[in-house]
C-alpha atoms as a PDB file:
ATOM      1  CA  MET A   1      24.309   2.395 -68.521  1.00  0.00           C
ATOM      2  CA  THR A   2      25.854   2.220 -64.934  1.00  0.00           C
ATOM      3  CA  PRO A   3      25.750   5.123 -63.186  1.00  0.00           C
ATOM      4  CA  TYR A   4      30.106   4.664 -63.788  1.00  0.00           C
ATOM      5  CA  GLN A   5      29.596   4.108 -66.680  1.00  0.00           C
ATOM      6  CA  LEU A   6      27.429   7.458 -67.182  1.00  0.00           C
ATOM      7  CA  LEU A   7      30.532   9.131 -65.523  1.00  0.00           C
ATOM      8  CA  VAL A   8      32.976   8.330 -67.745  1.00  0.00           C
ATOM      9  CA  SER A   9      30.861   8.544 -70.775  1.00  0.00           C
ATOM     10  CA  THR A  10      30.644  12.188 -69.419  1.00  0.00           C
ATOM     11  CA  VAL A  11      34.191  12.414 -68.730  1.00  0.00           C
ATOM     12  CA  ASP A  12      35.020  11.458 -72.456  1.00  0.00           C
ATOM     13  CA  VAL A  13      33.541  14.655 -73.524  1.00  0.00           C
ATOM     14  CA  ALA A  14      34.559  17.447 -71.008  1.00  0.00           C
ATOM     15  CA  LYS A  15      38.425  15.868 -71.644  1.00  0.00           C
ATOM     16  CA  ILE A  16      38.243  17.133 -75.683  1.00  0.00           C
ATOM     17  CA  HIS A  17      36.900  20.516 -74.217  1.00  0.00           C
ATOM     18  CA  GLU A  18      40.712  19.835 -71.441  1.00  0.00           C
ATOM     19  CA  GLU A  19      42.595  19.224 -74.808  1.00  0.00           C
ATOM     20  CA  ARG A  20      41.370  22.252 -76.708  1.00  0.00           C
ATOM     21  CA  LEU A  21      41.527  24.984 -73.664  1.00  0.00           C
ATOM     22  CA  ARG A  22      44.908  23.718 -73.078  1.00  0.00           C
ATOM     23  CA  ASN A  23      46.146  23.591 -77.230  1.00  0.00           C
ATOM     24  CA  ALA A  24      44.590  27.085 -76.399  1.00  0.00           C
ATOM     25  CA  LEU A  25      46.697  28.277 -73.516  1.00  0.00           C
ATOM     26  CA  THR A  26      50.007  27.004 -75.342  1.00  0.00           C
ATOM     27  CA  ARG A  27      49.023  29.718 -78.112  1.00  0.00           C
ATOM     28  CA  LEU A  28      48.343  32.169 -75.939  1.00  0.00           C
ATOM     29  CA  GLN A  29      51.231  31.838 -73.203  1.00  0.00           C
ATOM     30  CA  ASN A  30      53.543  34.844 -75.313  1.00  0.00           C
ATOM     31  CA  ILE A  31      50.979  36.990 -74.851  1.00  0.00           C
ATOM     32  CA  LEU A  32      49.801  36.324 -71.612  1.00  0.00           C
ATOM     33  CA  PRO A  33      48.926  37.747 -69.323  1.00  0.00           C
ATOM     34  CA  LEU A  34      48.003  40.923 -71.978  1.00  0.00           C
ATOM     35  CA  ASN A  35      49.110  44.316 -71.291  1.00  0.00           C
ATOM     36  CA  GLU A  36      47.796  47.469 -73.366  1.00  0.00           C
ATOM     37  CA  GLU A  37      50.402  47.742 -76.045  1.00  0.00           C
ATOM     38  CA  LYS A  38      50.104  43.483 -76.391  1.00  0.00           C
ATOM     39  CA  LEU A  39      45.720  44.086 -76.963  1.00  0.00           C
ATOM     40  CA  SER A  40      46.917  46.049 -80.046  1.00  0.00           C
ATOM     41  CA  LYS A  41      49.400  44.174 -81.530  1.00  0.00           C
ATOM     42  CA  LEU A  42      46.900  40.990 -81.512  1.00  0.00           C
ATOM     43  CA  ASN A  43      46.127  39.547 -85.117  1.00  0.00           C
ATOM     44  CA  HIS A  44      43.609  37.107 -86.014  1.00  0.00           C
ATOM     45  CA  ASP A  45      44.947  34.053 -84.445  1.00  0.00           C
ATOM     46  CA  ASP A  46      45.133  35.512 -81.532  1.00  0.00           C
ATOM     47  CA  TYR A  47      41.862  36.621 -81.645  1.00  0.00           C
ATOM     48  CA  ALA A  48      40.358  33.329 -82.599  1.00  0.00           C
ATOM     49  CA  TYR A  49      42.519  31.566 -79.524  1.00  0.00           C
ATOM     50  CA  LEU A  50      40.748  34.129 -76.825  1.00  0.00           C
ATOM     51  CA  ASP A  51      37.278  32.702 -78.942  1.00  0.00           C
ATOM     52  CA  VAL A  52      38.492  29.097 -78.184  1.00  0.00           C
ATOM     53  CA  MET A  53      40.121  29.865 -74.428  1.00  0.00           C
ATOM     54  CA  SER A  54      37.015  31.077 -73.557  1.00  0.00           C
ATOM     55  CA  VAL A  55      34.391  28.093 -75.056  1.00  0.00           C
ATOM     56  CA  ARG A  56      36.224  26.065 -73.789  1.00  0.00           C
ATOM     57  CA  TYR A  57      36.091  27.450 -70.518  1.00  0.00           C
ATOM     58  CA  ALA A  58      33.167  27.972 -70.399  1.00  0.00           C
ATOM     59  CA  LYS A  59      32.153  24.453 -71.638  1.00  0.00           C
ATOM     60  CA  LEU A  60      34.560  22.654 -69.279  1.00  0.00           C
ATOM     61  CA  GLN A  61      33.447  24.417 -66.256  1.00  0.00           C
ATOM     62  CA  ASP A  62      29.448  23.734 -67.279  1.00  0.00           C
ATOM     63  CA  ILE A  63      30.220  20.505 -68.315  1.00  0.00           C
ATOM     64  CA  ILE A  64      31.653  19.542 -64.155  1.00  0.00           C
ATOM     65  CA  GLY A  65      28.981  21.153 -63.069  1.00  0.00           C
ATOM     66  CA  ALA A  66      26.424  20.444 -64.745  1.00  0.00           C
ATOM     67  CA  LYS A  67      27.085  16.787 -64.967  1.00  0.00           C
ATOM     68  CA  ILE A  68      30.377  15.144 -63.697  1.00  0.00           C
ATOM     69  CA  PHE A  69      29.790  16.042 -59.876  1.00  0.00           C
ATOM     70  CA  TYR A  70      25.801  14.686 -60.768  1.00  0.00           C
ATOM     71  CA  ARG A  71      27.180  11.641 -62.045  1.00  0.00           C
ATOM     72  CA  LEU A  72      30.428  11.671 -59.771  1.00  0.00           C
ATOM     73  CA  LEU A  73      28.099  11.900 -57.092  1.00  0.00           C
ATOM     74  CA  ASP A  74      25.669   9.254 -58.108  1.00  0.00           C
ATOM     75  CA  ALA A  75      28.973   6.309 -58.859  1.00  0.00           C
ATOM     76  CA  MET A  76      30.233   6.871 -55.803  1.00  0.00           C
ATOM     77  CA  ALA A  77      27.074   5.897 -53.648  1.00  0.00           C
ATOM     78  CA  GLU A  78      27.029  10.180 -52.099  1.00  0.00           C
ATOM     79  CA  PRO A  79      23.924  10.724 -51.299  1.00  0.00           C
ATOM     80  CA  ILE A  80      22.748  13.938 -51.569  1.00  0.00           C
ATOM     81  CA  GLU A  81      20.009  15.177 -49.414  1.00  0.00           C
ATOM     82  CA  SER A  82      18.264  17.949 -52.490  1.00  0.00           C
ATOM     83  CA  ASN A  83      18.878  18.402 -55.633  1.00  0.00           C
ATOM     84  CA  ARG A  84      19.754  21.850 -55.056  1.00  0.00           C
ATOM     85  CA  PHE A  85      23.135  23.143 -56.338  1.00  0.00           C
ATOM     86  CA  LEU A  86      24.388  24.925 -53.572  1.00  0.00           C
ATOM     87  CA  ASP A  87      23.577  21.742 -51.502  1.00  0.00           C
ATOM     88  CA  MET A  88      25.687  18.928 -54.455  1.00  0.00           C
ATOM     89  CA  LEU A  89      28.685  22.180 -54.338  1.00  0.00           C
ATOM     90  CA  ALA A  90      28.546  21.444 -49.787  1.00  0.00           C
ATOM     91  CA  HIS A  91      28.607  17.894 -50.646  1.00  0.00           C
ATOM     92  CA  LEU A  92      30.800  18.417 -52.204  1.00  0.00           C
ATOM     93  CA  GLU A  93      32.908  20.184 -50.387  1.00  0.00           C
ATOM     94  CA  LYS A  94      32.286  17.894 -46.933  1.00  0.00           C
ATOM     95  CA  ILE A  95      33.547  14.858 -49.023  1.00  0.00           C
ATOM     96  CA  GLY A  96      36.728  16.563 -49.916  1.00  0.00           C
ATOM     97  CA  ILE A  97      36.397  17.166 -54.244  1.00  0.00           C
ATOM     98  CA  LEU A  98      36.427  20.496 -54.151  1.00  0.00           C
ATOM     99  CA  ASP A  99      38.522  22.276 -51.154  1.00  0.00           C
ATOM    100  CA  SER A 100      36.051  25.402 -50.821  1.00  0.00           C
ATOM    101  CA  MET A 101      32.402  26.172 -52.875  1.00  0.00           C
ATOM    102  CA  ASP A 102      33.651  29.665 -52.805  1.00  0.00           C
ATOM    103  CA  PHE A 103      36.058  28.098 -55.259  1.00  0.00           C
ATOM    104  CA  TRP A 104      33.915  26.706 -57.670  1.00  0.00           C
ATOM    105  CA  ILE A 105      31.317  29.929 -57.471  1.00  0.00           C
ATOM    106  CA  ASP A 106      33.906  31.680 -58.978  1.00  0.00           C
ATOM    107  CA  LEU A 107      34.867  29.810 -61.551  1.00  0.00           C
ATOM    108  CA  ARG A 108      31.365  29.894 -62.471  1.00  0.00           C
ATOM    109  CA  ASN A 109      31.353  33.149 -62.463  1.00  0.00           C
ATOM    110  CA  VAL A 110      34.087  33.812 -64.792  1.00  0.00           C
ATOM    111  CA  ARG A 111      32.891  31.964 -67.480  1.00  0.00           C
ATOM    112  CA  ASN A 112      29.168  34.529 -66.748  1.00  0.00           C
ATOM    113  CA  PHE A 113      31.285  37.838 -67.004  1.00  0.00           C
ATOM    114  CA  ILE A 114      33.574  36.349 -70.372  1.00  0.00           C
ATOM    115  CA  ALA A 115      30.179  35.834 -71.963  1.00  0.00           C
ATOM    116  CA  HIS A 116      30.367  39.824 -72.520  1.00  0.00           C
ATOM    117  CA  GLU A 117      32.902  41.825 -74.934  1.00  0.00           C
ATOM    118  CA  TYR A 118      33.319  45.578 -73.855  1.00  0.00           C
ATOM    119  CA  PRO A 119      35.796  47.144 -76.884  1.00  0.00           C
ATOM    120  CA  GLU A 120      34.739  50.071 -75.655  1.00  0.00           C
ATOM    121  CA  GLU A 121      36.088  49.718 -73.094  1.00  0.00           C
ATOM    122  CA  PRO A 122      40.217  47.503 -73.439  1.00  0.00           C
ATOM    123  CA  LEU A 123      41.160  48.468 -69.244  1.00  0.00           C
ATOM    124  CA  LEU A 124      38.024  45.877 -68.714  1.00  0.00           C
ATOM    125  CA  LEU A 125      38.651  43.633 -71.726  1.00  0.00           C
ATOM    126  CA  ILE A 126      42.000  43.369 -70.448  1.00  0.00           C
ATOM    127  CA  GLN A 127      41.149  42.314 -67.258  1.00  0.00           C
ATOM    128  CA  ASN A 128      38.433  39.501 -68.483  1.00  0.00           C
ATOM    129  CA  ILE A 129      41.016  38.318 -70.299  1.00  0.00           C
ATOM    130  CA  ASN A 130      43.407  37.995 -67.748  1.00  0.00           C
ATOM    131  CA  ASN A 131      41.118  36.597 -64.769  1.00  0.00           C
ATOM    132  CA  LEU A 132      39.603  34.200 -67.692  1.00  0.00           C
ATOM    133  CA  HIS A 133      43.705  33.268 -68.486  1.00  0.00           C
ATOM    134  CA  VAL A 134      43.779  32.395 -64.417  1.00  0.00           C
ATOM    135  CA  CYS A 135      41.176  30.282 -63.768  1.00  0.00           C
ATOM    136  CA  SER A 136      41.118  28.369 -66.941  1.00  0.00           C
ATOM    137  CA  VAL A 137      45.280  27.186 -65.676  1.00  0.00           C
ATOM    138  CA  LYS A 138      42.887  26.956 -61.872  1.00  0.00           C
ATOM    139  CA  LEU A 139      40.541  24.919 -63.117  1.00  0.00           C
ATOM    140  CA  LEU A 140      41.836  22.327 -65.217  1.00  0.00           C
ATOM    141  CA  ASN A 141      44.237  22.062 -62.434  1.00  0.00           C
ATOM    142  CA  PHE A 142      41.284  21.313 -60.172  1.00  0.00           C
ATOM    143  CA  TRP A 143      39.920  19.118 -63.435  1.00  0.00           C
ATOM    144  CA  GLU A 144      43.540  16.842 -62.780  1.00  0.00           C
ATOM    145  CA  LYS A 145      41.979  16.518 -59.500  1.00  0.00           C
ATOM    146  CA  LEU A 146      38.596  15.317 -60.576  1.00  0.00           C
ATOM    147  CA  LEU A 147      39.631  13.020 -62.995  1.00  0.00           C
ATOM    148  CA  GLN A 148      41.981  10.987 -60.510  1.00  0.00           C
ATOM    149  CA  GLU A 149      38.457  10.477 -58.239  1.00  0.00           C
ATOM    150  CA  THR A 150      37.190   9.452 -60.919  1.00  0.00           C
ATOM    151  CA  GLN A 151      39.988   6.792 -61.899  1.00  0.00           C
ATOM    152  CA  LYS A 152      39.812   5.699 -58.104  1.00  0.00           C
ATOM    153  CA  LEU A 153      36.635   4.822 -58.470  1.00  0.00           C
ATOM    154  CA  SER A 154      37.409   2.402 -62.116  1.00  0.00           C
ATOM    155  CA  LYS A 155      39.448   0.504 -59.165  1.00  0.00           C
ATOM    156  CA  ASN A 156      36.399  -0.385 -57.197  1.00  0.00           C
END
């Protein structure tokens, strides 16, 4: 497979995560942002969609960072000086794919926080869910921009 074909194949997998994340956000629109009252009234389906949001956010963020960035640079014939993740982020910032490295690092940190649940600390749970919601929207907006970059390559 060519670098572009590898990129397209990986993008197709990421689109599944995107679609399911968008669906979860749509299903949760009446409870997000969450507060103590809404938390006390969550039903089984609400919890299921919160789980979907969490898992699909993590999967989309992970596939972009672990595979798509590298494959995009390869397909663009953009050499990076090392395989270090931070060097790759710096290069993506330099060529305008990322507005800032900190943006991606913040999204990645949210992925790490959502792996933990805090049932004994409802305010922390609410804060983490609301942060995940905000970052999910940011990730999806970034994903749309990234898809545009991959589509530009198909015209070359």
